[in-house]
Amino acid sequence: MAQATFKIIGNFKVELGNGVVMIKDLKDNLLKAESVKPFDSEDRYAQVCIALEEKIKDRKDKGLPV
């Protein structure tokens, strides 16, 4: 079984494991999950990470809570 890949972004953890991209809080509570095809999983994981980083930056720039 492959080991899960994860990245901490702000107050969130984006995780890729077993064909699922998940966004969790730092207490490991699941906030969002998306099933992905195995051949597309790494690309989708990277897209989710980039989108979350941009969303957090945008909210900080506007003075909104993250």
Protein backbone atom coordinates (compact mmCIF):
# COMPACT_ATOMS: atom_id res chain seq x y z
CA MET A 1 0.00 0.00 0.00
CA ALA A 2 1.38 3.41 -0.97
CA GLN A 3 2.11 5.93 1.74
CA ALA A 4 -0.12 9.01 1.82
CA THR A 5 1.32 12.29 0.59
CA PHE A 6 0.41 15.46 2.46
CA LYS A 7 1.22 19.14 2.64
CA ILE A 8 0.41 21.64 5.40
CA ILE A 9 -0.99 24.88 3.95
CA GLY A 10 -1.98 27.50 6.51
CA ASN A 11 -4.37 25.87 8.98
CA PHE A 12 -5.10 22.98 6.64
CA LYS A 13 -3.57 19.67 5.60
CA VAL A 14 -4.02 18.55 1.98
CA GLU A 15 -3.59 14.79 1.71
CA LEU A 16 -3.47 12.33 -1.17
CA GLY A 17 -4.06 8.68 -0.43
CA ASN A 18 -5.78 5.72 -2.14
CA GLY A 19 -7.31 7.76 -4.97
CA VAL A 20 -8.73 10.47 -2.71
CA VAL A 21 -7.59 14.08 -2.30
CA MET A 22 -8.62 15.33 1.15
CA ILE A 23 -8.50 18.67 2.90
CA LYS A 24 -8.37 18.37 6.68
CA ASP A 25 -7.89 20.80 9.54
CA LEU A 26 -4.80 20.46 11.71
CA LYS A 27 -6.76 18.27 14.17
CA ASP A 28 -7.24 15.76 11.30
CA ASN A 29 -10.97 16.49 10.90
CA LEU A 30 -12.05 15.92 7.30
CA LEU A 31 -13.36 19.11 5.65
CA LYS A 32 -13.52 18.05 2.00
CA ALA A 33 -12.70 14.96 -0.04
CA GLU A 34 -12.60 14.26 -3.77
CA SER A 35 -12.19 10.91 -5.50
CA VAL A 36 -9.60 10.96 -8.28
CA LYS A 37 -8.51 8.43 -10.87
CA PRO A 38 -5.10 6.90 -10.09
CA PHE A 39 -3.47 8.27 -13.27
CA ASP A 40 -4.73 11.80 -12.45
CA SER A 41 -4.16 11.80 -8.68
CA GLU A 42 -0.78 13.59 -8.51
CA ASP A 43 -1.90 16.35 -10.88
CA ARG A 44 -5.18 16.89 -9.04
CA TYR A 45 -3.37 16.94 -5.68
CA ALA A 46 -1.02 19.65 -7.00
CA GLN A 47 -3.97 21.66 -8.35
CA VAL A 48 -5.77 21.52 -4.99
CA CYS A 49 -2.62 22.65 -3.15
CA ILE A 50 -2.10 25.60 -5.50
CA ALA A 51 -5.77 26.62 -5.35
CA LEU A 52 -5.80 26.51 -1.54
CA GLU A 53 -2.58 28.55 -1.30
CA GLU A 54 -4.06 31.17 -3.66
CA LYS A 55 -7.36 31.27 -1.75
CA ILE A 56 -5.58 31.80 1.58
CA LYS A 57 -3.36 34.52 0.09
CA ASP A 58 -6.38 36.26 -1.45
CA ARG A 59 -8.29 36.22 1.85
CA LYS A 60 -5.27 37.56 3.77
CA ASP A 61 -4.79 40.33 1.19
CA LYS A 62 -8.44 41.35 1.69
CA GLY A 63 -8.08 41.28 5.48
CA LEU A 64 -10.49 38.37 5.85
CA PRO A 65 -10.04 35.50 8.33
CA VAL A 66 -8.53 32.32 6.98
